[in-house]
Amino acid sequence: MKALIIDNASGTPVMVPGTHDKPEPKPDELLVKVEATALNRADLLQKSGNYPVPEGASPILGLEMAGIVEEAGSEAHHFKAGNHVIGLLPGGGYAEYCVIRDDHAMAKPPSLSFEEAAAIPEVFLTAFQGLFWLGELFEDETVLIHAGASGVGSAAIQLAAQTSGTTIFTTAGTEAKLELCESLGADLAINYKEKDFADIIEDGNASSSVDVILDFVGAPYWHQNIRLLAMDGRLVHLGLLGGVQTDNLDLGKILKKRLTIRGSTLRNRTDEYKALLTKEFSDHFLENFEDGTLRPVIDSMYEWEEAEEAHQRMKHNENAGKIVLTGM
């Protein structure tokens, strides 16, 4: 089958079109003809050798897809050949075909194209996990979502906006990205390059007023995050793009405010965890893509042979929303 391969011949890894063995579905899996996939930061890390492939996963990049079921295993009971599906993958999305556990797949929203639907699984499941499973967001609480114009950030803003009474703060680095965040439901979008987000939030609110923070940046935001968190606040780290080491760590503030600090990746979670996460998200939110209250935010689309160009766009933080590959 056609697949995108990492070429290290020049000393710098690049994505090139190639071929790979077509996967064989296990009894509880679906063989899917991939119509579209989408980029994630983990793809860049794996490409550079900094994100080991989980045991048993495909070595091919690609953590999500939208496609058509070609074959269903004997123990697959949710979908059958011909069904249009989307889903989270442990790898293998950058290819003509992939396999996915039957209970990890979701029905593609009928009103969306394959390219639009491919932008749903990774970011919305990650945002759902971060906000509700780890952040335990309740009604009438305040949430701060960093990198609001990223794929996960844009999904998290929309999911938080579906929770009654939620006040949503977010950060982004350009005016266009701030406008995008506000269009998705953010009450206040702050340009972190021009202003101290903690000062801006505190100017209009009581000090220590944020209940949940989703952070993809890490060390540079640590002190401001702790300062903003309310009593019993929850800080959820889903990425560490800005670094992992912070100075002058004051554990007393964590104790005094009874803070909960959690970190998570999704790729190395168990199959059972992913199946339950997929089911709960589907039950609560999948139909919202039909009525338009949720939507995948697409930055750009590339033909699959242009994957390296797409990777460079993400590497240089030029995207607002998801970058999609199509034409497999």
C-alpha atoms as a PDB file:
ATOM      1  CA  MET A   1       0.000   0.000   0.000  1.00  0.00           C
ATOM      2  CA  LYS A   2       0.981   3.662  -0.316  1.00  0.00           C
ATOM      3  CA  ALA A   3       2.416   5.202   2.829  1.00  0.00           C
ATOM      4  CA  LEU A   4       4.476   8.147   3.998  1.00  0.00           C
ATOM      5  CA  ILE A   5       7.951   7.100   5.102  1.00  0.00           C
ATOM      6  CA  ILE A   6      10.589   8.934   7.154  1.00  0.00           C
ATOM      7  CA  ASP A   7      13.689   9.486   5.000  1.00  0.00           C
ATOM      8  CA  ASN A   8      16.904  10.169   6.955  1.00  0.00           C
ATOM      9  CA  ALA A   9      19.282  10.025   3.983  1.00  0.00           C
ATOM     10  CA  SER A  10      20.178  13.723   4.185  1.00  0.00           C
ATOM     11  CA  GLY A  11      20.753  13.629   7.942  1.00  0.00           C
ATOM     12  CA  THR A  12      17.539  15.585   8.489  1.00  0.00           C
ATOM     13  CA  PRO A  13      14.366  13.471   8.639  1.00  0.00           C
ATOM     14  CA  VAL A  14      11.781  14.306   5.969  1.00  0.00           C
ATOM     15  CA  MET A  15       8.512  12.706   4.915  1.00  0.00           C
ATOM     16  CA  VAL A  16       8.480  11.069   1.478  1.00  0.00           C
ATOM     17  CA  PRO A  17       5.909   8.944  -0.389  1.00  0.00           C
ATOM     18  CA  GLY A  18       6.682   5.243  -0.313  1.00  0.00           C
ATOM     19  CA  THR A  19       5.147   1.833   0.291  1.00  0.00           C
ATOM     20  CA  HIS A  20       4.565  -0.400   3.305  1.00  0.00           C
ATOM     21  CA  ASP A  21       2.940  -3.745   3.954  1.00  0.00           C
ATOM     22  CA  LYS A  22      -0.842  -3.531   4.147  1.00  0.00           C
ATOM     23  CA  PRO A  23      -1.987  -4.256   7.718  1.00  0.00           C
ATOM     24  CA  GLU A  24      -4.071  -7.298   8.598  1.00  0.00           C
ATOM     25  CA  PRO A  25      -6.971  -6.701  11.027  1.00  0.00           C
ATOM     26  CA  LYS A  26      -7.223  -8.783  14.192  1.00  0.00           C
ATOM     27  CA  PRO A  27     -10.634 -10.253  15.120  1.00  0.00           C
ATOM     28  CA  ASP A  28     -11.573  -7.137  17.129  1.00  0.00           C
ATOM     29  CA  GLU A  29     -10.258  -4.666  14.542  1.00  0.00           C
ATOM     30  CA  LEU A  30     -11.411  -2.891  11.409  1.00  0.00           C
ATOM     31  CA  LEU A  31      -9.382  -2.496   8.233  1.00  0.00           C
ATOM     32  CA  VAL A  32     -10.048   1.041   7.035  1.00  0.00           C
ATOM     33  CA  LYS A  33      -9.300   2.716   3.704  1.00  0.00           C
ATOM     34  CA  VAL A  34      -7.921   6.051   4.881  1.00  0.00           C
ATOM     35  CA  GLU A  35      -9.489   9.039   3.141  1.00  0.00           C
ATOM     36  CA  ALA A  36      -7.845  11.731   5.284  1.00  0.00           C
ATOM     37  CA  THR A  37      -5.619  12.116   8.324  1.00  0.00           C
ATOM     38  CA  ALA A  38      -4.414  15.089  10.366  1.00  0.00           C
ATOM     39  CA  LEU A  39      -1.126  16.265  11.844  1.00  0.00           C
ATOM     40  CA  ASN A  40      -0.249  16.305  15.535  1.00  0.00           C
ATOM     41  CA  ARG A  41       2.808  17.562  17.435  1.00  0.00           C
ATOM     42  CA  ALA A  42       3.603  13.961  18.317  1.00  0.00           C
ATOM     43  CA  ASP A  43       4.214  13.317  14.598  1.00  0.00           C
ATOM     44  CA  LEU A  44       7.094  15.798  14.593  1.00  0.00           C
ATOM     45  CA  LEU A  45       8.535  14.241  17.751  1.00  0.00           C
ATOM     46  CA  GLN A  46       8.309  10.698  16.374  1.00  0.00           C
ATOM     47  CA  LYS A  47       9.809  11.806  13.070  1.00  0.00           C
ATOM     48  CA  SER A  48      12.848  13.218  14.905  1.00  0.00           C
ATOM     49  CA  GLY A  49      13.254  10.080  17.016  1.00  0.00           C
ATOM     50  CA  ASN A  50      11.970  11.646  20.242  1.00  0.00           C
ATOM     51  CA  TYR A  51       8.657   9.807  20.640  1.00  0.00           C
ATOM     52  CA  PRO A  52       9.022   6.009  20.817  1.00  0.00           C
ATOM     53  CA  VAL A  53       6.309   3.982  19.128  1.00  0.00           C
ATOM     54  CA  PRO A  54       4.182   2.057  21.665  1.00  0.00           C
ATOM     55  CA  GLU A  55       4.725  -1.691  21.636  1.00  0.00           C
ATOM     56  CA  GLY A  56       2.708  -3.320  18.883  1.00  0.00           C
ATOM     57  CA  ALA A  57       1.745  -0.055  17.154  1.00  0.00           C
ATOM     58  CA  SER A  58       2.404   0.721  13.517  1.00  0.00           C
ATOM     59  CA  PRO A  59       5.748   2.462  12.896  1.00  0.00           C
ATOM     60  CA  ILE A  60       3.978   4.695  10.374  1.00  0.00           C
ATOM     61  CA  LEU A  61       3.100   8.176  11.641  1.00  0.00           C
ATOM     62  CA  GLY A  62      -0.485   9.339  12.064  1.00  0.00           C
ATOM     63  CA  LEU A  63      -2.628   9.298  15.213  1.00  0.00           C
ATOM     64  CA  GLU A  64      -6.084   9.799  13.680  1.00  0.00           C
ATOM     65  CA  MET A  65      -8.003   9.203  10.502  1.00  0.00           C
ATOM     66  CA  ALA A  66     -11.306   9.324   8.656  1.00  0.00           C
ATOM     67  CA  GLY A  67     -12.092   6.593   6.200  1.00  0.00           C
ATOM     68  CA  ILE A  68     -14.249   3.718   4.964  1.00  0.00           C
ATOM     69  CA  VAL A  69     -14.319   0.277   6.589  1.00  0.00           C
ATOM     70  CA  GLU A  70     -13.079  -2.281   4.079  1.00  0.00           C
ATOM     71  CA  GLU A  71     -13.153  -5.312   6.370  1.00  0.00           C
ATOM     72  CA  ALA A  72     -14.430  -5.996   9.882  1.00  0.00           C
ATOM     73  CA  GLY A  73     -12.931  -8.703  12.082  1.00  0.00           C
ATOM     74  CA  SER A  74     -15.063 -11.549  13.390  1.00  0.00           C
ATOM     75  CA  GLU A  75     -15.292  -9.963  16.869  1.00  0.00           C
ATOM     76  CA  ALA A  76     -16.009  -6.423  15.630  1.00  0.00           C
ATOM     77  CA  HIS A  77     -19.645  -5.665  16.394  1.00  0.00           C
ATOM     78  CA  HIS A  78     -19.980  -1.870  16.125  1.00  0.00           C
ATOM     79  CA  PHE A  79     -19.114  -1.345  12.446  1.00  0.00           C
ATOM     80  CA  LYS A  80     -19.141  -3.282   9.198  1.00  0.00           C
ATOM     81  CA  ALA A  81     -17.704  -2.970   5.691  1.00  0.00           C
ATOM     82  CA  GLY A  82     -18.823   0.210   3.977  1.00  0.00           C
ATOM     83  CA  ASN A  83     -19.318   2.257   7.162  1.00  0.00           C
ATOM     84  CA  HIS A  84     -17.712   5.699   7.303  1.00  0.00           C
ATOM     85  CA  VAL A  85     -15.665   6.020  10.492  1.00  0.00           C
ATOM     86  CA  ILE A  86     -13.232   8.260  12.327  1.00  0.00           C
ATOM     87  CA  GLY A  87     -10.940   7.349  15.164  1.00  0.00           C
ATOM     88  CA  LEU A  88      -7.865   7.701  17.316  1.00  0.00           C
ATOM     89  CA  LEU A  89      -4.893   5.533  16.301  1.00  0.00           C
ATOM     90  CA  PRO A  90      -1.698   4.445  18.088  1.00  0.00           C
ATOM     91  CA  GLY A  91      -0.044   4.977  14.685  1.00  0.00           C
ATOM     92  CA  GLY A  92      -0.554   4.215  11.011  1.00  0.00           C
ATOM     93  CA  GLY A  93      -2.684   7.117   9.790  1.00  0.00           C
ATOM     94  CA  TYR A  94      -0.203   8.321   7.144  1.00  0.00           C
ATOM     95  CA  ALA A  95      -1.046   5.423   4.854  1.00  0.00           C
ATOM     96  CA  GLU A  96      -3.549   4.125   2.348  1.00  0.00           C
ATOM     97  CA  TYR A  97      -4.928   1.630   4.897  1.00  0.00           C
ATOM     98  CA  CYS A  98      -4.881   1.349   8.680  1.00  0.00           C
ATOM     99  CA  VAL A  99      -6.347  -0.886  11.361  1.00  0.00           C
ATOM    100  CA  ILE A 100      -8.294   0.334  14.377  1.00  0.00           C
ATOM    101  CA  ARG A 101      -9.966  -1.469  17.243  1.00  0.00           C
ATOM    102  CA  ASP A 102     -13.692  -1.620  16.660  1.00  0.00           C
ATOM    103  CA  ASP A 103     -14.392   0.056  20.017  1.00  0.00           C
ATOM    104  CA  HIS A 104     -11.978   2.905  19.239  1.00  0.00           C
ATOM    105  CA  ALA A 105     -13.866   3.936  16.101  1.00  0.00           C
ATOM    106  CA  MET A 106     -16.694   6.475  15.882  1.00  0.00           C
ATOM    107  CA  ALA A 107     -19.245   7.030  13.160  1.00  0.00           C
ATOM    108  CA  LYS A 108     -18.242   9.905  10.891  1.00  0.00           C
ATOM    109  CA  PRO A 109     -20.708  12.798  11.277  1.00  0.00           C
ATOM    110  CA  PRO A 110     -22.667  12.575   7.993  1.00  0.00           C
ATOM    111  CA  SER A 111     -22.629  16.310   7.296  1.00  0.00           C
ATOM    112  CA  LEU A 112     -18.822  16.536   7.430  1.00  0.00           C
ATOM    113  CA  SER A 113     -16.366  15.690   4.665  1.00  0.00           C
ATOM    114  CA  PHE A 114     -13.676  13.108   5.369  1.00  0.00           C
ATOM    115  CA  GLU A 115     -11.152  15.948   5.557  1.00  0.00           C
ATOM    116  CA  GLU A 116     -13.186  17.807   8.172  1.00  0.00           C
ATOM    117  CA  ALA A 117     -13.911  14.668  10.164  1.00  0.00           C
ATOM    118  CA  ALA A 118     -10.243  13.630  10.249  1.00  0.00           C
ATOM    119  CA  ALA A 119      -9.578  16.722  12.369  1.00  0.00           C
ATOM    120  CA  ILE A 120     -11.841  15.523  15.209  1.00  0.00           C
ATOM    121  CA  PRO A 121     -10.457  12.439  17.019  1.00  0.00           C
ATOM    122  CA  GLU A 122      -7.098  13.386  18.532  1.00  0.00           C
ATOM    123  CA  VAL A 123      -7.850  16.955  19.548  1.00  0.00           C
ATOM    124  CA  PHE A 124     -11.402  16.494  20.786  1.00  0.00           C
ATOM    125  CA  LEU A 125     -10.642  13.297  22.714  1.00  0.00           C
ATOM    126  CA  THR A 126      -7.549  14.928  24.243  1.00  0.00           C
ATOM    127  CA  ALA A 127      -9.508  18.063  25.154  1.00  0.00           C
ATOM    128  CA  PHE A 128     -12.390  15.987  26.556  1.00  0.00           C
ATOM    129  CA  GLN A 129      -9.964  13.967  28.675  1.00  0.00           C
ATOM    130  CA  GLY A 130      -8.179  17.104  29.894  1.00  0.00           C
ATOM    131  CA  LEU A 131     -11.263  19.145  30.763  1.00  0.00           C
ATOM    132  CA  PHE A 132     -13.603  16.539  32.196  1.00  0.00           C
ATOM    133  CA  TRP A 133     -11.660  13.424  33.216  1.00  0.00           C
ATOM    134  CA  LEU A 134      -8.530  15.133  34.529  1.00  0.00           C
ATOM    135  CA  GLY A 135      -9.650  18.717  35.103  1.00  0.00           C
ATOM    136  CA  GLU A 136     -13.084  17.707  36.440  1.00  0.00           C
ATOM    137  CA  LEU A 137     -14.680  20.866  35.052  1.00  0.00           C
ATOM    138  CA  PHE A 138     -18.078  21.620  36.569  1.00  0.00           C
ATOM    139  CA  GLU A 139     -20.817  24.088  35.687  1.00  0.00           C
ATOM    140  CA  ASP A 140     -20.262  27.760  36.594  1.00  0.00           C
ATOM    141  CA  GLU A 141     -16.485  27.393  36.851  1.00  0.00           C
ATOM    142  CA  THR A 142     -13.668  29.351  35.212  1.00  0.00           C
ATOM    143  CA  VAL A 143     -11.170  27.713  32.864  1.00  0.00           C
ATOM    144  CA  LEU A 144      -7.944  28.997  31.316  1.00  0.00           C
ATOM    145  CA  ILE A 145      -6.922  27.282  28.080  1.00  0.00           C
ATOM    146  CA  HIS A 146      -3.415  28.035  26.858  1.00  0.00           C
ATOM    147  CA  ALA A 147      -2.582  27.826  23.137  1.00  0.00           C
ATOM    148  CA  GLY A 148      -6.234  28.384  22.366  1.00  0.00           C
ATOM    149  CA  ALA A 149      -5.737  28.423  18.590  1.00  0.00           C
ATOM    150  CA  SER A 150      -3.978  25.049  18.551  1.00  0.00           C
ATOM    151  CA  GLY A 151      -5.898  21.954  17.584  1.00  0.00           C
ATOM    152  CA  VAL A 152      -6.505  20.798  21.164  1.00  0.00           C
ATOM    153  CA  GLY A 153      -6.975  24.374  22.372  1.00  0.00           C
ATOM    154  CA  SER A 154      -9.660  25.126  19.792  1.00  0.00           C
ATOM    155  CA  ALA A 155     -11.454  21.887  20.691  1.00  0.00           C
ATOM    156  CA  ALA A 156     -11.207  22.620  24.426  1.00  0.00           C
ATOM    157  CA  ILE A 157     -12.706  26.096  24.042  1.00  0.00           C
ATOM    158  CA  GLN A 158     -15.717  24.629  22.241  1.00  0.00           C
ATOM    159  CA  LEU A 159     -16.215  21.816  24.760  1.00  0.00           C
ATOM    160  CA  ALA A 160     -15.930  24.209  27.703  1.00  0.00           C
ATOM    161  CA  ALA A 161     -18.489  26.485  26.050  1.00  0.00           C
ATOM    162  CA  GLN A 162     -20.968  23.583  26.114  1.00  0.00           C
ATOM    163  CA  THR A 163     -20.715  23.469  29.914  1.00  0.00           C
ATOM    164  CA  SER A 164     -23.309  25.754  31.494  1.00  0.00           C
ATOM    165  CA  GLY A 165     -22.006  28.934  33.085  1.00  0.00           C
ATOM    166  CA  THR A 166     -18.348  28.371  32.209  1.00  0.00           C
ATOM    167  CA  THR A 167     -16.122  31.449  31.918  1.00  0.00           C
ATOM    168  CA  ILE A 168     -13.365  30.816  29.379  1.00  0.00           C
ATOM    169  CA  PHE A 169      -9.991  32.571  29.257  1.00  0.00           C
ATOM    170  CA  THR A 170      -7.405  31.682  26.632  1.00  0.00           C
ATOM    171  CA  THR A 171      -3.990  32.711  25.347  1.00  0.00           C
ATOM    172  CA  ALA A 172      -2.674  32.949  21.785  1.00  0.00           C
ATOM    173  CA  GLY A 173       0.090  34.786  19.940  1.00  0.00           C
ATOM    174  CA  THR A 174      -1.495  36.733  17.053  1.00  0.00           C
ATOM    175  CA  GLU A 175      -4.568  38.867  16.537  1.00  0.00           C
ATOM    176  CA  ALA A 176      -5.963  36.375  14.031  1.00  0.00           C
ATOM    177  CA  LYS A 177      -5.592  33.567  16.561  1.00  0.00           C
ATOM    178  CA  LEU A 178      -7.224  35.677  19.288  1.00  0.00           C
ATOM    179  CA  GLU A 179     -10.187  36.347  17.003  1.00  0.00           C
ATOM    180  CA  LEU A 180     -10.479  32.629  16.280  1.00  0.00           C
ATOM    181  CA  CYS A 181     -10.547  31.830  20.010  1.00  0.00           C
ATOM    182  CA  GLU A 182     -13.283  34.384  20.635  1.00  0.00           C
ATOM    183  CA  SER A 183     -15.329  33.066  17.704  1.00  0.00           C
ATOM    184  CA  LEU A 184     -15.212  29.599  19.290  1.00  0.00           C
ATOM    185  CA  GLY A 185     -16.556  30.810  22.634  1.00  0.00           C
ATOM    186  CA  ALA A 186     -13.684  32.342  24.635  1.00  0.00           C
ATOM    187  CA  ASP A 187     -14.820  35.184  26.878  1.00  0.00           C
ATOM    188  CA  LEU A 188     -11.343  36.721  26.945  1.00  0.00           C
ATOM    189  CA  ALA A 189      -8.417  35.977  24.610  1.00  0.00           C
ATOM    190  CA  ILE A 190      -5.018  37.369  25.648  1.00  0.00           C
ATOM    191  CA  ASN A 191      -1.964  37.904  23.467  1.00  0.00           C
ATOM    192  CA  TYR A 192       0.738  36.315  25.620  1.00  0.00           C
ATOM    193  CA  LYS A 193       3.474  37.961  23.519  1.00  0.00           C
ATOM    194  CA  GLU A 194       2.299  41.451  24.424  1.00  0.00           C
ATOM    195  CA  LYS A 195       0.794  41.136  27.910  1.00  0.00           C
ATOM    196  CA  ASP A 196       1.148  39.139  31.106  1.00  0.00           C
ATOM    197  CA  PHE A 197      -1.916  36.899  30.954  1.00  0.00           C
ATOM    198  CA  ALA A 198      -2.030  36.560  34.738  1.00  0.00           C
ATOM    199  CA  ASP A 199      -2.127  40.347  35.202  1.00  0.00           C
ATOM    200  CA  ILE A 200      -4.919  40.716  32.642  1.00  0.00           C
ATOM    201  CA  ILE A 201      -7.054  38.001  34.214  1.00  0.00           C
ATOM    202  CA  GLU A 202      -6.552  39.375  37.715  1.00  0.00           C
ATOM    203  CA  ASP A 203      -7.361  42.945  36.605  1.00  0.00           C
ATOM    204  CA  GLY A 204     -10.944  41.967  35.834  1.00  0.00           C
ATOM    205  CA  ASN A 205     -11.467  39.222  38.381  1.00  0.00           C
ATOM    206  CA  ALA A 206     -10.746  38.273  41.952  1.00  0.00           C
ATOM    207  CA  SER A 207      -7.215  37.032  42.570  1.00  0.00           C
ATOM    208  CA  SER A 208      -6.875  33.239  42.379  1.00  0.00           C
ATOM    209  CA  SER A 209     -10.068  32.892  40.391  1.00  0.00           C
ATOM    210  CA  VAL A 210      -9.360  30.116  37.872  1.00  0.00           C
ATOM    211  CA  ASP A 211     -10.694  26.630  38.635  1.00  0.00           C
ATOM    212  CA  VAL A 212      -9.126  24.650  35.772  1.00  0.00           C
ATOM    213  CA  ILE A 213      -6.079  25.355  33.603  1.00  0.00           C
ATOM    214  CA  LEU A 214      -5.163  23.354  30.492  1.00  0.00           C
ATOM    215  CA  ASP A 215      -1.490  23.961  29.735  1.00  0.00           C
ATOM    216  CA  PHE A 216       0.579  22.803  26.758  1.00  0.00           C
ATOM    217  CA  VAL A 217       3.532  25.122  27.436  1.00  0.00           C
ATOM    218  CA  GLY A 218       4.940  24.009  30.784  1.00  0.00           C
ATOM    219  CA  ALA A 219       7.777  25.697  32.656  1.00  0.00           C
ATOM    220  CA  PRO A 220       7.384  29.324  31.449  1.00  0.00           C
ATOM    221  CA  TYR A 221       3.782  29.453  32.701  1.00  0.00           C
ATOM    222  CA  TRP A 222       4.213  27.566  35.987  1.00  0.00           C
ATOM    223  CA  HIS A 223       4.317  30.509  38.409  1.00  0.00           C
ATOM    224  CA  GLN A 224       1.501  32.419  36.704  1.00  0.00           C
ATOM    225  CA  ASN A 225      -0.665  29.299  36.600  1.00  0.00           C
ATOM    226  CA  ILE A 226      -0.196  28.605  40.320  1.00  0.00           C
ATOM    227  CA  ARG A 227      -0.875  32.258  41.094  1.00  0.00           C
ATOM    228  CA  LEU A 228      -4.180  32.213  39.182  1.00  0.00           C
ATOM    229  CA  LEU A 229      -5.569  28.916  40.451  1.00  0.00           C
ATOM    230  CA  ALA A 230      -8.433  29.144  42.921  1.00  0.00           C
ATOM    231  CA  MET A 231      -8.823  27.064  46.060  1.00  0.00           C
ATOM    232  CA  ASP A 232      -9.126  23.411  44.991  1.00  0.00           C
ATOM    233  CA  GLY A 233      -7.968  24.432  41.506  1.00  0.00           C
ATOM    234  CA  ARG A 234      -6.787  21.875  38.952  1.00  0.00           C
ATOM    235  CA  LEU A 235      -3.788  22.276  36.636  1.00  0.00           C
ATOM    236  CA  VAL A 236      -3.616  19.814  33.742  1.00  0.00           C
ATOM    237  CA  HIS A 237      -0.407  19.566  31.712  1.00  0.00           C
ATOM    238  CA  LEU A 238      -0.961  18.126  28.231  1.00  0.00           C
ATOM    239  CA  GLY A 239       2.325  19.315  26.737  1.00  0.00           C
ATOM    240  CA  LEU A 240       5.632  20.906  27.680  1.00  0.00           C
ATOM    241  CA  LEU A 241       6.525  22.867  24.554  1.00  0.00           C
ATOM    242  CA  GLY A 242       8.188  25.644  26.550  1.00  0.00           C
ATOM    243  CA  GLY A 243      10.383  23.439  28.742  1.00  0.00           C
ATOM    244  CA  VAL A 244      10.302  21.093  31.715  1.00  0.00           C
ATOM    245  CA  GLN A 245      12.393  22.850  34.388  1.00  0.00           C
ATOM    246  CA  THR A 246      11.173  25.740  36.555  1.00  0.00           C
ATOM    247  CA  ASP A 247      13.020  27.733  39.233  1.00  0.00           C
ATOM    248  CA  ASN A 248      11.905  28.719  42.727  1.00  0.00           C
ATOM    249  CA  LEU A 249       9.213  26.071  43.046  1.00  0.00           C
ATOM    250  CA  ASP A 250       7.034  26.939  46.058  1.00  0.00           C
ATOM    251  CA  LEU A 251       5.250  23.792  47.214  1.00  0.00           C
ATOM    252  CA  GLY A 252       3.525  25.757  49.964  1.00  0.00           C
ATOM    253  CA  LYS A 253       1.114  27.316  47.482  1.00  0.00           C
ATOM    254  CA  ILE A 254       0.065  23.868  46.280  1.00  0.00           C
ATOM    255  CA  LEU A 255      -0.701  22.835  49.835  1.00  0.00           C
ATOM    256  CA  LYS A 256      -2.338  26.114  50.874  1.00  0.00           C
ATOM    257  CA  LYS A 257      -4.736  26.131  47.925  1.00  0.00           C
ATOM    258  CA  ARG A 258      -5.291  22.336  47.940  1.00  0.00           C
ATOM    259  CA  LEU A 259      -4.295  22.219  44.284  1.00  0.00           C
ATOM    260  CA  THR A 260      -4.419  19.166  42.032  1.00  0.00           C
ATOM    261  CA  ILE A 261      -1.722  18.954  39.346  1.00  0.00           C
ATOM    262  CA  ARG A 262      -1.970  16.301  36.676  1.00  0.00           C
ATOM    263  CA  GLY A 263      -0.165  15.433  33.469  1.00  0.00           C
ATOM    264  CA  SER A 264      -1.126  13.090  30.696  1.00  0.00           C
ATOM    265  CA  THR A 265      -0.432  11.822  27.236  1.00  0.00           C
ATOM    266  CA  LEU A 266      -3.061   9.793  25.410  1.00  0.00           C
ATOM    267  CA  ARG A 267      -1.141   7.613  22.973  1.00  0.00           C
ATOM    268  CA  ASN A 268       0.240   5.232  25.596  1.00  0.00           C
ATOM    269  CA  ARG A 269      -3.030   4.770  27.485  1.00  0.00           C
ATOM    270  CA  THR A 270      -4.513   1.275  27.567  1.00  0.00           C
ATOM    271  CA  ASP A 271      -6.931   0.089  24.911  1.00  0.00           C
ATOM    272  CA  GLU A 272      -9.641  -0.130  27.557  1.00  0.00           C
ATOM    273  CA  TYR A 273      -9.057   3.478  28.621  1.00  0.00           C
ATOM    274  CA  LYS A 274      -9.264   4.702  25.017  1.00  0.00           C
ATOM    275  CA  ALA A 275     -12.403   2.664  24.378  1.00  0.00           C
ATOM    276  CA  LEU A 276     -14.178   4.189  27.388  1.00  0.00           C
ATOM    277  CA  LEU A 277     -12.961   7.690  26.504  1.00  0.00           C
ATOM    278  CA  THR A 278     -14.214   7.252  22.935  1.00  0.00           C
ATOM    279  CA  LYS A 279     -17.604   6.004  24.115  1.00  0.00           C
ATOM    280  CA  GLU A 280     -18.134   8.801  26.636  1.00  0.00           C
ATOM    281  CA  PHE A 281     -17.126  11.484  24.152  1.00  0.00           C
ATOM    282  CA  SER A 282     -19.363   9.956  21.488  1.00  0.00           C
ATOM    283  CA  ASP A 283     -22.325   9.688  23.848  1.00  0.00           C
ATOM    284  CA  HIS A 284     -22.001  13.271  25.064  1.00  0.00           C
ATOM    285  CA  PHE A 285     -20.753  15.254  22.089  1.00  0.00           C
ATOM    286  CA  LEU A 286     -20.594  13.476  18.705  1.00  0.00           C
ATOM    287  CA  GLU A 287     -24.073  14.626  17.675  1.00  0.00           C
ATOM    288  CA  ASN A 288     -23.024  18.241  18.288  1.00  0.00           C
ATOM    289  CA  PHE A 289     -21.056  18.158  15.045  1.00  0.00           C
ATOM    290  CA  GLU A 290     -24.350  17.670  13.225  1.00  0.00           C
ATOM    291  CA  ASP A 291     -26.136  20.643  14.782  1.00  0.00           C
ATOM    292  CA  GLY A 292     -23.065  22.849  14.404  1.00  0.00           C
ATOM    293  CA  THR A 293     -22.430  23.575  18.075  1.00  0.00           C
ATOM    294  CA  LEU A 294     -19.073  21.829  17.668  1.00  0.00           C
ATOM    295  CA  ARG A 295     -16.870  22.031  14.607  1.00  0.00           C
ATOM    296  CA  PRO A 296     -13.391  20.914  13.627  1.00  0.00           C
ATOM    297  CA  VAL A 297     -11.165  23.937  13.058  1.00  0.00           C
ATOM    298  CA  ILE A 298      -9.200  23.428   9.833  1.00  0.00           C
ATOM    299  CA  ASP A 299      -6.094  25.515   9.240  1.00  0.00           C
ATOM    300  CA  SER A 300      -5.092  24.026   5.892  1.00  0.00           C
ATOM    301  CA  MET A 301      -5.242  20.917   3.719  1.00  0.00           C
ATOM    302  CA  TYR A 302      -2.396  19.243   1.856  1.00  0.00           C
ATOM    303  CA  GLU A 303      -2.193  16.351  -0.557  1.00  0.00           C
ATOM    304  CA  TRP A 304      -0.477  13.410   1.111  1.00  0.00           C
ATOM    305  CA  GLU A 305       2.626  13.818  -1.084  1.00  0.00           C
ATOM    306  CA  GLU A 306       3.012  17.325   0.414  1.00  0.00           C
ATOM    307  CA  ALA A 307       3.328  16.022   3.970  1.00  0.00           C
ATOM    308  CA  GLU A 308       6.782  17.516   4.529  1.00  0.00           C
ATOM    309  CA  GLU A 309       5.497  20.983   3.617  1.00  0.00           C
ATOM    310  CA  ALA A 310       2.626  20.459   6.060  1.00  0.00           C
ATOM    311  CA  HIS A 311       5.107  19.404   8.767  1.00  0.00           C
ATOM    312  CA  GLN A 312       7.101  22.583   8.265  1.00  0.00           C
ATOM    313  CA  ARG A 313       3.978  24.685   8.710  1.00  0.00           C
ATOM    314  CA  MET A 314       3.306  23.039  12.062  1.00  0.00           C
ATOM    315  CA  LYS A 315       6.970  23.135  13.107  1.00  0.00           C
ATOM    316  CA  HIS A 316       7.036  26.922  12.669  1.00  0.00           C
ATOM    317  CA  ASN A 317       3.739  27.415  14.572  1.00  0.00           C
ATOM    318  CA  GLU A 318       2.043  28.936  11.543  1.00  0.00           C
ATOM    319  CA  ASN A 319      -1.186  26.986  11.881  1.00  0.00           C
ATOM    320  CA  ALA A 320      -4.376  27.960  13.679  1.00  0.00           C
ATOM    321  CA  GLY A 321      -6.353  24.750  13.998  1.00  0.00           C
ATOM    322  CA  LYS A 322      -5.688  21.414  12.325  1.00  0.00           C
ATOM    323  CA  ILE A 323      -3.556  20.618   9.295  1.00  0.00           C
ATOM    324  CA  VAL A 324      -5.117  17.829   7.230  1.00  0.00           C
ATOM    325  CA  LEU A 325      -3.587  15.399   4.729  1.00  0.00           C
ATOM    326  CA  THR A 326      -5.813  13.973   2.028  1.00  0.00           C
ATOM    327  CA  GLY A 327      -5.650  11.971  -1.168  1.00  0.00           C
ATOM    328  CA  MET A 328      -4.233   8.765   0.281  1.00  0.00           C
END
